[in-house]
Protein backbone atom coordinates (compact mmCIF):
# COMPACT_ATOMS: atom_id res chain seq x y z
CA MET A 1 121.86 148.94 86.19
CA THR A 2 118.96 149.65 88.50
CA HIS A 3 119.65 151.50 91.73
CA ARG A 4 118.09 153.97 94.15
CA PHE A 5 121.11 155.99 95.17
CA PRO A 6 122.33 159.35 93.83
CA ILE A 7 125.29 159.20 91.42
CA LYS A 8 127.33 161.32 93.81
CA GLU A 9 126.69 158.79 96.63
CA ILE A 10 127.73 155.90 94.45
CA ALA A 11 130.89 157.78 93.35
CA ARG A 12 131.92 158.35 96.95
CA GLN A 13 131.32 154.69 97.86
CA ALA A 14 133.21 153.42 94.83
CA GLY A 15 135.99 156.02 95.00
CA LEU A 16 135.34 156.96 91.37
CA SER A 17 134.26 160.16 89.60
CA THR A 18 130.61 160.98 88.96
CA ALA A 19 131.33 160.95 85.23
CA THR A 20 132.62 157.38 85.45
CA ILE A 21 129.62 156.29 87.46
CA ASP A 22 127.30 157.95 84.84
CA ARG A 23 129.11 156.03 82.06
CA VAL A 24 128.68 152.69 83.86
CA LEU A 25 125.08 153.20 84.85
CA ASN A 26 124.11 154.17 81.33
CA GLY A 27 126.01 151.41 79.67
CA ARG A 28 128.35 153.62 77.68
CA ALA A 29 131.54 152.42 76.01
CA ASN A 30 135.19 152.66 77.19
CA VAL A 31 134.54 151.39 80.69
CA SER A 32 136.71 148.45 81.99
CA ALA A 33 135.23 145.32 83.52
CA GLN A 34 137.08 146.12 86.74
CA THR A 35 135.48 149.59 86.93
CA LYS A 36 131.99 148.13 86.26
CA GLN A 37 132.60 145.63 89.09
CA ARG A 38 133.60 148.42 91.43
CA VAL A 39 130.35 150.22 90.70
CA VAL A 40 128.25 147.06 91.12
CA ALA A 41 130.02 146.38 94.46
CA ALA A 42 129.45 150.01 95.59
CA VAL A 43 125.63 149.72 94.93
CA GLN A 44 125.55 146.40 96.76
CA GLU A 45 127.42 147.86 99.72
CA LEU A 46 125.09 150.89 99.81
CA THR A 47 122.08 148.59 99.71
CA ALA A 48 123.46 146.48 102.57
CA GLN A 49 124.11 149.63 104.67
CA GLU A 50 120.87 151.42 103.85
CA ALA A 51 119.06 150.25 106.96
CA GLN A 52 121.76 151.86 109.13
CA LEU A 53 121.23 155.30 107.65
CA ALA A 54 118.28 155.93 109.96
CA ALA A 55 120.67 155.80 112.89
CA ARG A 56 121.72 159.08 114.41
CA GLY A 57 125.34 160.06 114.45
CA ARG A 58 128.11 161.11 112.12
CA ARG A 59 128.68 159.29 108.84
CA MET A 60 132.11 157.71 108.68
CA PHE A 61 133.78 156.19 105.64
CA PHE A 62 136.33 153.45 106.29
CA ASP A 63 138.40 151.76 103.66
CA PHE A 64 139.44 148.06 103.61
CA VAL A 65 142.49 147.32 101.50
CA ILE A 66 142.96 143.60 101.65
CA GLU A 67 145.49 141.45 99.74
CA ALA A 68 144.29 137.87 100.31
CA PRO A 69 142.70 134.92 98.48
CA ALA A 70 139.06 135.60 97.55
CA ARG A 71 137.85 133.09 100.16
CA PHE A 72 139.48 135.12 102.99
CA SER A 73 138.50 138.46 101.60
CA HIS A 74 134.92 137.30 101.47
CA GLU A 75 135.14 136.43 105.20
CA VAL A 76 136.53 139.95 105.93
CA LYS A 77 133.70 141.71 104.08
CA THR A 78 131.07 139.41 105.67
CA ALA A 79 132.50 140.10 109.14
CA ALA A 80 132.51 143.89 108.53
CA GLU A 81 128.94 143.96 107.40
CA ALA A 82 127.89 141.68 110.32
CA VAL A 83 129.25 144.10 112.99
CA LEU A 84 127.78 147.32 111.50
CA PRO A 85 124.30 147.03 113.10
CA TYR A 86 125.99 146.92 116.55
CA ILE A 87 127.80 150.28 116.17
CA SER A 88 125.56 153.05 117.50
CA SER A 89 127.91 156.00 117.87
CA ALA A 90 128.24 156.62 114.13
CA VAL A 91 126.96 155.47 110.73
CA CYS A 92 129.92 153.45 109.50
CA ARG A 93 130.24 153.05 105.71
CA PRO A 94 132.99 150.53 104.69
CA ARG A 95 134.47 150.59 101.23
CA PHE A 96 136.37 147.46 99.98
CA LEU A 97 139.35 146.96 97.74
CA LEU A 98 139.83 143.18 97.79
CA GLN A 99 142.53 141.62 95.54
CA GLU A 100 144.20 138.25 95.65
CA ILE A 101 147.70 139.48 94.69
CA MET A 102 148.82 143.09 94.82
CA GLN A 103 152.27 144.45 93.95
CA GLU A 104 153.74 147.07 96.26
CA ALA A 105 152.98 149.80 93.68
CA GLU A 106 149.37 148.77 93.53
CA VAL A 107 148.90 148.95 97.30
CA VAL A 108 150.75 152.32 97.46
CA ALA A 109 148.57 153.67 94.58
CA ALA A 110 145.42 152.53 96.40
CA LEU A 111 146.50 154.22 99.64
CA GLU A 112 147.40 157.35 97.67
CA ARG A 113 143.87 157.49 96.17
CA ILE A 114 142.42 157.11 99.64
CA HIS A 115 144.63 159.92 100.85
CA LYS A 116 143.40 162.23 98.08
CA ARG A 117 139.74 161.58 98.48
CA GLY A 118 139.73 161.30 102.20
CA SER A 119 138.74 158.63 104.72
CA GLN A 120 138.11 158.24 108.42
CA GLY A 121 140.27 155.10 108.62
CA VAL A 122 141.96 152.33 106.65
CA CYS A 123 142.01 148.66 107.57
CA LEU A 124 145.00 147.18 105.83
CA LYS A 125 146.15 143.64 105.08
CA ALA A 126 149.27 143.97 102.90
CA LYS A 127 152.95 143.05 102.69
CA ASP A 128 155.49 144.81 104.84
CA THR A 129 157.54 146.86 102.43
CA SER A 130 159.18 150.26 102.67
CA GLY A 131 156.87 151.79 100.12
CA ILE A 132 153.75 150.65 101.92
CA ARG A 133 155.14 151.80 105.27
CA ASN A 134 155.78 155.24 103.72
CA ALA A 135 152.23 155.37 102.40
CA VAL A 136 150.93 154.47 105.85
CA ASN A 137 153.02 157.21 107.39
CA LYS A 138 151.62 159.74 104.94
CA LEU A 139 148.04 158.76 105.84
CA HIS A 140 148.89 159.10 109.54
CA ALA A 141 150.34 162.55 108.93
CA SER A 142 146.99 163.56 107.37
CA ARG A 143 145.13 162.17 110.37
CA ILE A 144 143.77 159.14 108.49
CA PRO A 145 144.37 156.25 110.97
CA VAL A 146 145.49 152.88 109.72
CA VAL A 147 144.72 149.59 111.50
CA THR A 148 146.52 146.49 110.19
CA LEU A 149 144.57 143.24 110.09
CA VAL A 150 146.07 139.78 110.73
CA THR A 151 149.54 140.73 109.39
CA ASP A 152 151.29 143.85 110.63
CA ILE A 153 153.37 146.64 109.09
CA GLY A 154 156.71 147.07 110.92
CA GLY A 155 158.15 150.53 111.61
CA GLY A 156 155.14 152.46 110.39
CA ASP A 157 152.77 154.92 112.03
CA ARG A 158 149.79 152.61 112.03
CA LEU A 159 147.25 153.11 114.81
CA SER A 160 146.99 149.51 115.93
CA TYR A 161 147.20 145.88 114.92
CA VAL A 162 144.15 143.63 115.23
CA GLY A 163 144.07 139.90 114.64
CA LEU A 164 145.72 136.72 115.63
CA ASP A 165 148.59 136.23 118.07
CA ASN A 166 150.76 134.93 115.24
CA ALA A 167 153.71 133.68 117.36
CA GLY A 168 151.30 131.92 119.68
CA ALA A 169 149.64 130.27 116.74
CA GLY A 170 153.02 129.07 115.41
CA ARG A 171 153.87 127.51 118.75
CA THR A 172 150.43 125.85 118.88
CA ALA A 173 150.94 124.34 115.42
CA ALA A 174 154.30 122.91 116.57
CA TYR A 175 152.75 121.49 119.72
CA LEU A 176 149.94 119.76 117.76
CA ILE A 177 152.35 118.30 115.26
CA ALA A 178 154.69 117.08 118.02
CA LYS A 179 151.86 115.38 119.89
CA ILE A 180 150.83 113.46 116.75
CA LEU A 181 154.30 112.57 115.51
CA GLY A 182 156.03 111.86 118.82
CA ASN A 183 159.70 110.99 118.25
CA ARG A 184 159.44 110.33 114.51
CA SER A 185 161.99 111.78 112.20
CA GLY A 186 161.42 113.13 108.76
CA ALA A 187 160.26 116.30 106.98
CA VAL A 188 157.58 118.92 107.76
CA LEU A 189 156.31 121.25 105.07
CA ALA A 190 155.74 124.81 106.30
CA THR A 191 154.15 127.09 103.68
CA ARG A 192 153.60 130.82 103.64
CA SER A 193 151.73 132.83 101.03
CA HIS A 194 154.54 135.38 100.67
CA GLU A 195 157.79 136.17 102.32
CA ARG A 196 156.77 139.79 103.02
CA PHE A 197 153.72 139.09 105.16
CA LEU A 198 154.95 139.91 108.61
CA GLY A 199 152.27 137.89 110.46
CA GLU A 200 153.15 134.73 108.58
CA GLU A 201 156.84 135.40 109.25
CA ASP A 202 156.15 135.58 112.96
CA ARG A 203 154.15 132.32 112.80
CA GLU A 204 156.99 130.46 111.03
CA ALA A 205 159.72 131.73 113.32
CA ALA A 206 157.82 130.66 116.42
CA PHE A 207 156.84 127.37 114.80
CA ALA A 208 160.44 126.57 113.85
CA GLN A 209 161.81 127.35 117.33
CA ALA A 210 159.10 125.30 119.16
CA LEU A 211 159.29 122.32 116.80
CA SER A 212 163.07 122.17 117.21
CA GLU A 213 162.50 121.84 120.93
CA PHE A 214 159.67 119.34 120.80
CA CYS A 215 160.92 117.20 117.85
CA PRO A 216 164.61 117.85 117.09
CA ASP A 217 164.69 115.06 114.46
CA LEU A 218 162.15 116.73 112.20
CA GLN A 219 163.43 118.80 109.28
CA ILE A 220 161.39 121.81 108.12
CA ILE A 221 160.94 122.41 104.41
CA SER A 222 160.04 126.07 104.05
CA LEU A 223 158.04 127.44 101.12
CA GLN A 224 157.13 131.14 100.56
CA GLY A 225 154.99 132.12 97.66
CA GLY A 226 151.86 131.40 95.77
CA GLY A 227 149.69 134.01 97.57
CA GLY A 228 147.28 131.24 98.62
CA VAL A 229 146.10 131.20 95.01
CA TYR A 230 145.62 127.70 93.44
CA SER A 231 147.75 127.81 90.31
CA GLU A 232 150.59 129.78 91.88
CA THR A 233 150.68 127.47 94.93
CA VAL A 234 150.75 124.32 92.78
CA SER A 235 153.60 125.70 90.66
CA GLN A 236 155.69 126.60 93.76
CA LEU A 237 155.01 123.27 95.49
CA ASN A 238 155.87 121.10 92.46
CA GLN A 239 159.33 122.66 92.36
CA LYS A 240 159.85 122.42 96.13
CA LEU A 241 158.68 118.80 96.49
CA ALA A 242 160.45 117.38 93.40
CA ASN A 243 163.06 115.48 95.50
CA VAL A 244 160.98 114.86 98.65
CA THR A 245 160.09 111.16 99.17
CA TYR A 246 158.57 111.21 102.65
CA LEU A 247 156.59 113.94 104.46
CA GLN A 248 155.34 113.69 108.02
CA ALA A 249 153.33 116.88 108.44
CA VAL A 250 152.17 120.13 106.86
CA TYR A 251 151.78 123.50 108.56
CA SER A 252 150.00 125.83 106.09
CA MET A 253 150.22 129.42 107.30
CA GLY A 254 148.96 131.20 104.17
CA GLY A 255 146.09 129.16 102.74
CA GLY A 256 145.83 127.41 99.41
CA ASN A 257 145.15 124.14 101.17
CA ARG A 258 143.14 122.46 98.38
CA ALA A 259 146.11 123.12 96.03
CA ILE A 260 148.52 121.77 98.67
CA LEU A 261 146.55 118.61 99.17
CA GLU A 262 146.15 117.87 95.48
CA THR A 263 149.85 118.49 94.82
CA LEU A 264 150.78 116.17 97.72
CA GLU A 265 148.51 113.51 96.29
CA HIS A 266 150.09 113.89 92.86
CA CYS A 267 153.56 113.49 94.46
CA ARG A 268 152.29 110.48 96.44
CA LEU A 269 153.02 112.14 99.78
CA LYS A 270 150.72 111.42 102.68
CA PRO A 271 151.49 113.46 105.82
CA LEU A 272 150.11 112.22 109.08
CA VAL A 273 148.96 115.63 110.24
CA PHE A 274 147.90 118.86 108.48
CA VAL A 275 147.49 122.08 110.38
CA ALA A 276 145.82 125.04 108.60
CA HIS A 277 144.74 128.56 109.42
CA ASP A 278 141.30 130.27 109.24
CA MET A 279 137.86 128.74 109.15
CA ASP A 280 136.95 129.96 105.64
CA ARG A 281 134.59 128.00 103.46
CA GLU A 282 137.33 125.92 101.78
CA ASN A 283 138.78 124.88 105.15
CA LYS A 284 135.33 124.10 106.54
CA GLU A 285 134.84 121.57 103.75
CA LEU A 286 138.36 120.11 104.05
CA LEU A 287 138.01 119.77 107.80
CA ALA A 288 134.54 118.16 107.53
CA LYS A 289 136.02 115.60 105.14
CA GLU A 290 139.00 115.15 107.43
CA LYS A 291 141.44 116.17 104.68
CA ILE A 292 143.08 118.47 107.17
CA SER A 293 143.60 117.64 110.87
CA PHE A 294 143.35 121.01 112.63
CA VAL A 295 142.37 124.58 111.88
CA LEU A 296 143.83 127.41 113.94
CA HIS A 297 140.87 129.79 114.02
CA HIS A 298 140.28 133.23 115.45
CA ASP A 299 137.15 135.34 115.55
CA LEU A 300 137.31 137.64 112.53
CA GLN A 301 134.20 139.57 113.55
CA ARG A 302 135.92 140.40 116.88
CA ASP A 303 138.97 141.67 114.90
CA ILE A 304 136.85 143.86 112.64
CA ARG A 305 134.88 145.24 115.58
CA ALA A 306 138.22 146.08 117.31
CA ALA A 307 139.29 147.95 114.21
CA PHE A 308 136.06 149.98 114.11
CA ASP A 309 136.46 150.75 117.78
CA HIS A 310 139.96 152.02 117.24
CA PHE A 311 138.81 154.27 114.41
CA LEU A 312 135.86 155.64 116.42
CA ALA A 313 138.02 156.29 119.46
CA PHE A 314 140.61 158.08 117.26
CA HIS A 315 137.77 160.46 116.09
CA LYS A 316 136.56 160.93 119.71
CA LEU A 317 133.24 159.11 118.94
CA ALA A 318 133.91 156.34 121.46
CA LEU A 319 136.10 155.46 124.42
CA GLU A 320 139.45 153.93 123.91
CA PRO A 321 138.99 150.17 123.21
CA THR A 322 139.26 148.01 126.25
CA THR A 323 139.34 144.71 124.40
CA GLU A 324 142.77 143.26 123.72
CA PRO A 325 143.28 143.59 119.94
CA VAL A 326 145.31 140.40 119.63
CA SER A 327 143.25 137.21 119.75
CA THR A 328 144.33 133.69 120.72
CA ALA A 329 144.10 130.86 118.25
CA GLN A 330 141.30 128.32 118.78
CA VAL A 331 142.06 124.75 117.73
CA LEU A 332 139.20 123.34 115.68
CA THR A 333 138.74 119.73 114.60
CA PRO A 334 135.90 117.87 112.86
CA MET A 335 134.68 117.11 116.40
CA ASN A 336 134.14 120.64 117.68
CA VAL A 337 132.75 122.43 114.65
CA PRO A 338 128.90 122.80 114.69
CA THR A 339 127.35 119.54 113.40
CA ASP A 340 124.78 121.29 111.24
CA PHE A 341 127.43 123.22 109.34
CA LEU A 342 129.52 120.15 108.73
CA ARG A 343 126.46 118.34 107.43
CA GLU A 344 125.69 121.27 105.10
CA GLU A 345 129.26 121.28 103.75
CA LEU A 346 129.25 117.54 103.11
CA ILE A 347 125.83 117.55 101.46
CA GLY A 348 126.66 120.59 99.33
CA ASN A 349 129.83 118.97 97.97
CA ARG A 350 128.64 115.50 97.11
């Protein structure tokens, strides 16, 4: 592997030992594919950040621990790298641990590694469990601030939450579905990626309450699981929809929308309205082709910048953030997404 960075620098970026980095760079045996990928990613991250090294200021390492489908994790990393050039008070060096499904023990172990090696801040998207809350509290006690992204951790000593107003998004989804369906009766499928994601739980609770007011004759079929991952989502849906014969709408809170659509087609279910979350690449394509009706979108770059601002303020390198960390959902349709991008999506997928 060719590179222009000292082994010690790559080791710090990857969170690995210099001996491990040396084995990977020199192609020696007994190195896992996952470790090799971490080293490759670290070199890529250092290359992307190299231009910023000329800036004056303190060098700050921030860790992103994100449990989410790859399509969303990609958006998080892209957003983080996009905002770096606009931060002048310090040289910010993000490190990424991005995984589609993480068990509680894996998240706790990752946070423990960060605790041992040190960090100036952790941006966390993970399930709300007692073990993870305890790990967050331990980081806080060591003056490593934690900012939760999109989904929160209840009862922990996190510094702040940044991301979508989840309850507001749930109510918005109910409003859109009610406006399309009117006084129809029937079933609405409401899907979450996992029962322990607090943000999605807030979305569903607000959605259920609002929909019961707007359309009392609609029955909600709730599904938690799948992690937004294709195969897991299909498996969960096939079991849930086995005895469903008519479906009016879908509210997808946790992704996996291609899997949902293909499973519905297999079950010969054709909902009149489909509300999804996040304008990732998959949803851009599905919206362009009018496979889904609405996407509840929020500015992820704004969220990531808010996270950096909280970290810098914690370390007395910036003023306390004045921007509200919670963002309002924007309702996107095929009619208000940039035409050039829709054309690109359609052309690229012919």
